[in-house]
Protein backbone atom coordinates (compact mmCIF):
# COMPACT_ATOMS: atom_id res chain seq x y z
CA MET A 1 -32.29 11.50 20.59
CA PRO A 2 -29.66 11.11 24.12
CA MET A 3 -27.96 8.59 22.31
CA LEU A 4 -27.18 10.38 19.44
CA ALA A 5 -26.13 12.94 21.40
CA PHE A 6 -23.82 10.80 23.01
CA GLU A 7 -22.73 9.34 19.49
CA PHE A 8 -22.02 12.96 18.40
CA GLY A 9 -20.16 13.91 21.79
CA ALA A 10 -17.72 11.10 21.54
CA LEU A 11 -17.13 11.01 17.60
CA GLU A 12 -15.90 14.91 18.89
CA ARG A 13 -13.63 13.68 21.53
CA LEU A 14 -12.35 11.27 19.29
CA TRP A 15 -11.98 14.25 16.61
CA HIS A 16 -9.89 16.58 19.18
CA ASP A 17 -7.91 13.69 20.62
CA LEU A 18 -6.83 12.70 16.51
CA LEU A 19 -5.87 16.79 16.25
CA ALA A 20 -4.02 16.95 19.48
CA LEU A 21 -1.95 13.88 18.05
CA PRO A 22 2.33 15.19 17.85
CA TRP A 23 1.51 14.82 13.59
CA TRP A 24 4.63 16.93 13.21
CA ARG A 25 6.54 14.49 13.88
CA PHE A 26 6.09 12.94 9.98
CA ALA A 27 7.45 15.82 9.01
CA ALA A 28 10.90 15.76 11.04
CA LEU A 29 11.25 12.31 10.05
CA THR A 30 14.24 11.76 7.24
CA MET A 31 13.46 11.75 3.47
CA GLY A 32 14.12 7.92 3.55
CA LEU A 33 11.81 7.32 5.92
CA LYS A 34 9.10 9.76 4.86
CA LEU A 35 9.32 8.24 1.25
CA ALA A 36 8.81 4.75 3.03
CA LEU A 37 5.86 5.57 5.01
CA ALA A 38 4.36 7.40 1.97
CA ILE A 39 4.89 4.39 -0.24
CA LEU A 40 3.15 2.23 2.11
CA ALA A 41 0.06 4.14 2.44
CA LEU A 42 -0.37 4.54 -1.50
CA CYS A 43 -0.29 0.87 -1.41
CA VAL A 44 -3.05 0.62 1.47
CA ALA A 45 -5.14 3.38 0.23
CA LEU A 46 -5.26 2.02 -3.69
CA THR A 47 -5.90 -1.58 -2.67
CA ALA A 48 -8.62 -0.43 -0.57
CA LEU A 49 -10.24 1.58 -3.54
CA ALA A 50 -9.54 -1.61 -6.09
CA ALA A 51 -11.03 -3.82 -3.68
CA ALA A 52 -14.05 -1.28 -2.56
CA SER A 53 -14.59 -0.88 -6.64
CA HIS A 54 -14.02 -4.88 -6.98
CA VAL A 55 -16.96 -5.01 -4.20
CA LEU A 56 -19.46 -2.63 -6.08
CA ALA A 57 -19.09 -4.28 -9.00
CA ARG A 58 -20.02 -7.50 -7.98
CA LEU A 59 -22.91 -6.15 -5.80
CA PHE A 60 -24.46 -4.46 -8.66
CA ALA A 61 -22.97 -6.36 -11.70
CA ARG A 62 -25.39 -7.45 -14.58
CA PRO A 63 -26.83 -10.66 -15.33
CA SER A 64 -24.28 -12.85 -17.23
CA SER A 65 -25.30 -12.89 -20.50
CA GLU A 66 -25.30 -9.16 -20.15
CA SER A 67 -21.89 -8.78 -19.10
CA GLU A 68 -20.00 -10.77 -20.87
CA PRO A 69 -18.47 -9.18 -24.30
CA ALA A 70 -19.08 -9.92 -27.49
CA SER A 71 -16.93 -12.66 -29.39
CA GLY A 72 -13.93 -10.70 -30.51
CA GLU A 73 -14.82 -7.66 -28.84
CA ALA A 74 -12.39 -6.72 -25.91
CA ARG A 75 -12.90 -6.36 -22.68
CA PRO A 76 -13.31 -2.54 -21.22
CA ARG A 77 -9.67 -1.48 -19.41
CA LYS A 78 -10.47 -1.22 -15.70
CA GLY A 79 -8.54 1.16 -13.69
CA TRP A 80 -6.76 2.57 -15.88
CA GLY A 81 -6.02 6.18 -14.28
CA LEU A 82 -4.69 4.48 -11.41
CA LYS A 83 -2.18 1.43 -12.90
CA ALA A 84 -0.80 4.55 -14.61
CA ALA A 85 0.01 6.75 -11.91
CA VAL A 86 1.69 3.50 -10.09
CA LEU A 87 3.55 2.90 -13.49
CA LEU A 88 4.70 6.41 -13.22
CA ILE A 89 5.79 6.45 -9.28
CA LEU A 90 7.88 3.19 -10.44
CA ALA A 91 9.35 5.00 -13.44
CA ILE A 92 10.37 8.32 -10.76
CA LEU A 93 11.96 5.47 -8.56
CA PRO A 94 15.69 4.43 -9.70
CA MET A 95 15.84 1.17 -11.83
CA GLY A 96 11.84 1.03 -10.40
CA LEU A 97 10.09 -0.27 -13.84
CA THR A 98 12.98 -2.40 -14.81
CA ALA A 99 13.18 -4.43 -11.78
CA ALA A 100 9.03 -4.24 -11.87
CA GLY A 101 9.55 -5.65 -15.27
CA ALA A 102 12.46 -8.38 -14.05
CA VAL A 103 10.21 -9.39 -11.17
CA TYR A 104 6.62 -9.89 -13.19
CA LEU A 105 8.70 -11.83 -16.00
CA VAL A 106 10.40 -14.25 -13.15
CA MET A 107 7.35 -14.62 -11.16
CA GLY A 108 4.44 -14.80 -14.08
CA LYS A 109 0.92 -14.87 -13.52
CA ALA A 110 -0.61 -17.55 -11.92
CA ASN A 111 -0.62 -16.58 -8.42
CA TRP A 112 -1.32 -12.83 -7.72
CA ARG A 113 -1.76 -12.81 -4.56
CA ARG A 114 0.73 -15.32 -3.38
CA ASP A 115 3.89 -13.54 -5.25
CA ALA A 116 2.58 -10.10 -3.79
CA LEU A 117 2.63 -11.78 -0.12
CA ALA A 118 6.32 -13.12 -1.31
CA LEU A 119 7.53 -9.07 -2.04
CA PHE A 120 5.63 -8.22 0.98
CA VAL A 121 8.15 -10.74 3.12
CA GLY A 122 11.06 -10.01 0.96
CA SER A 123 10.29 -6.05 2.15
CA LEU A 124 10.81 -6.75 5.55
CA SER A 125 14.29 -7.64 5.12
CA PHE A 126 14.51 -3.64 4.58
CA ALA A 127 11.57 -2.51 7.13
CA LEU A 128 13.64 -4.06 9.93
CA PRO A 129 16.65 -2.00 9.26
CA LEU A 130 14.81 0.86 9.06
CA GLY A 131 12.70 0.27 11.96
CA TRP A 132 15.98 0.00 14.04
CA LEU A 133 17.72 3.28 12.29
CA ALA A 134 14.49 5.39 13.71
CA SER A 135 14.48 3.85 16.86
CA PRO A 136 15.80 5.40 20.18
CA TRP A 137 18.06 2.50 21.07
CA PHE A 138 20.26 2.44 18.03
CA PRO A 139 23.62 3.52 18.99
CA TYR A 140 24.88 5.34 16.41
CA PRO A 141 22.68 8.48 15.54
CA GLU A 142 24.39 10.42 13.79
CA TRP A 143 23.71 7.52 11.19
CA ALA A 144 20.41 7.53 11.76
CA ARG A 145 20.14 11.03 11.08
CA SER A 146 22.34 10.35 7.82
CA GLU A 147 19.99 10.73 4.00
CA TYR A 148 22.12 8.33 2.73
CA VAL A 149 22.16 5.72 5.23
CA VAL A 150 18.31 5.68 5.68
CA LEU A 151 17.26 6.05 1.77
CA LEU A 152 19.32 3.16 0.53
CA PRO A 153 16.82 0.67 2.45
CA ALA A 154 13.78 2.52 2.44
CA LEU A 155 14.30 2.71 -1.74
CA GLY A 156 14.58 -0.94 -1.02
CA PHE A 157 11.33 -1.26 0.51
CA SER A 158 9.34 1.07 -1.23
CA MET A 159 10.22 -0.92 -4.89
CA LEU A 160 9.05 -3.67 -3.33
CA GLN A 161 5.74 -2.94 -1.98
CA LEU A 162 5.21 -1.00 -5.40
CA TRP A 163 5.73 -4.30 -7.10
CA ALA A 164 3.92 -6.47 -4.63
CA LEU A 165 0.95 -3.49 -5.38
CA VAL A 166 1.04 -4.11 -9.07
CA LYS A 167 0.19 -7.69 -8.88
CA VAL A 168 -2.63 -6.94 -6.84
CA LEU A 169 -3.43 -4.59 -8.88
CA ARG A 170 -2.67 -7.04 -11.73
CA GLU A 171 -5.32 -9.31 -10.34
CA TYR A 172 -7.47 -6.79 -9.77
CA TRP A 173 -7.94 -5.22 -13.07
CA GLY A 174 -6.16 -7.58 -15.27
CA GLU A 175 -8.55 -10.65 -14.33
CA PRO A 176 -12.74 -10.53 -14.88
CA ASP A 177 -14.41 -9.74 -11.69
CA GLU A 178 -15.76 -13.68 -10.99
CA ARG A 179 -12.16 -14.70 -11.00
CA VAL A 180 -11.16 -12.41 -8.37
CA PRO A 181 -12.05 -13.03 -4.76
CA LEU A 182 -14.00 -10.99 -3.11
CA PHE A 183 -12.34 -9.94 0.25
CA PRO A 184 -8.99 -7.85 0.42
CA PRO A 185 -5.49 -10.23 -0.02
CA ILE A 186 -3.27 -11.13 2.95
CA VAL A 187 -1.15 -8.26 1.90
CA TRP A 188 -3.29 -5.62 2.06
CA TRP A 189 -3.99 -6.82 6.04
CA ALA A 190 0.09 -6.81 6.62
CA GLN A 191 0.53 -3.07 4.78
CA ALA A 192 -2.12 -1.72 6.98
CA LEU A 193 -0.58 -3.23 10.24
CA LEU A 194 2.15 -2.21 9.40
CA LEU A 195 1.12 1.30 8.39
CA GLY A 196 -0.48 1.40 11.53
CA LEU A 197 2.45 0.40 13.75
CA SER A 198 5.08 2.21 12.12
CA SER A 199 2.75 5.56 11.96
CA TYR A 200 1.99 4.57 16.39
CA GLY A 201 5.77 4.47 16.85
CA VAL A 202 6.53 7.71 15.01
CA LEU A 203 3.71 9.53 17.14
CA ALA A 204 4.66 7.54 20.41
CA ARG A 205 8.30 8.24 20.81
CA GLY A 206 9.67 10.57 23.02
């Protein structure tokens, strides 16, 4: 019981510390930075959801003789609602669906995870200018406050992140469970790390 009380006390202090953080700073960001962080958080959350559902499907899978569809029988579609949501977000972004289709055709479907990681690395070419614009040592603060200046790299970053998400979800929901590795892809860990560092930068800046 003393140990349990200690754990509850530690959780309560952690909760109060989290509430005391300056979360209002996210609301004060420009629209471009809000878009980039929101899309990055969406990618992390949806990939985590897909990975969790995949792990549960593997843990509670039926025997292979029961899980394989009969000859000529279509496989059940997985995660259709979330895939539709991702396509809707791509449709809202300028040239989102067109560019995503081009990426799909150029990269093909042989290496879903490698392609997703390549897209993430490409998105860093937009993330670095965004980080510089948001930093306190950027020499032109009026540019950093300009919605148009920030929105251009934010759109490029967001689209590349969504294309990487489409690649990851296509593997999770388009391939049989037994062909998908158990652990989340490297790109998810990289996205989660980038989200954590970005959030820390927003909360810790003076």
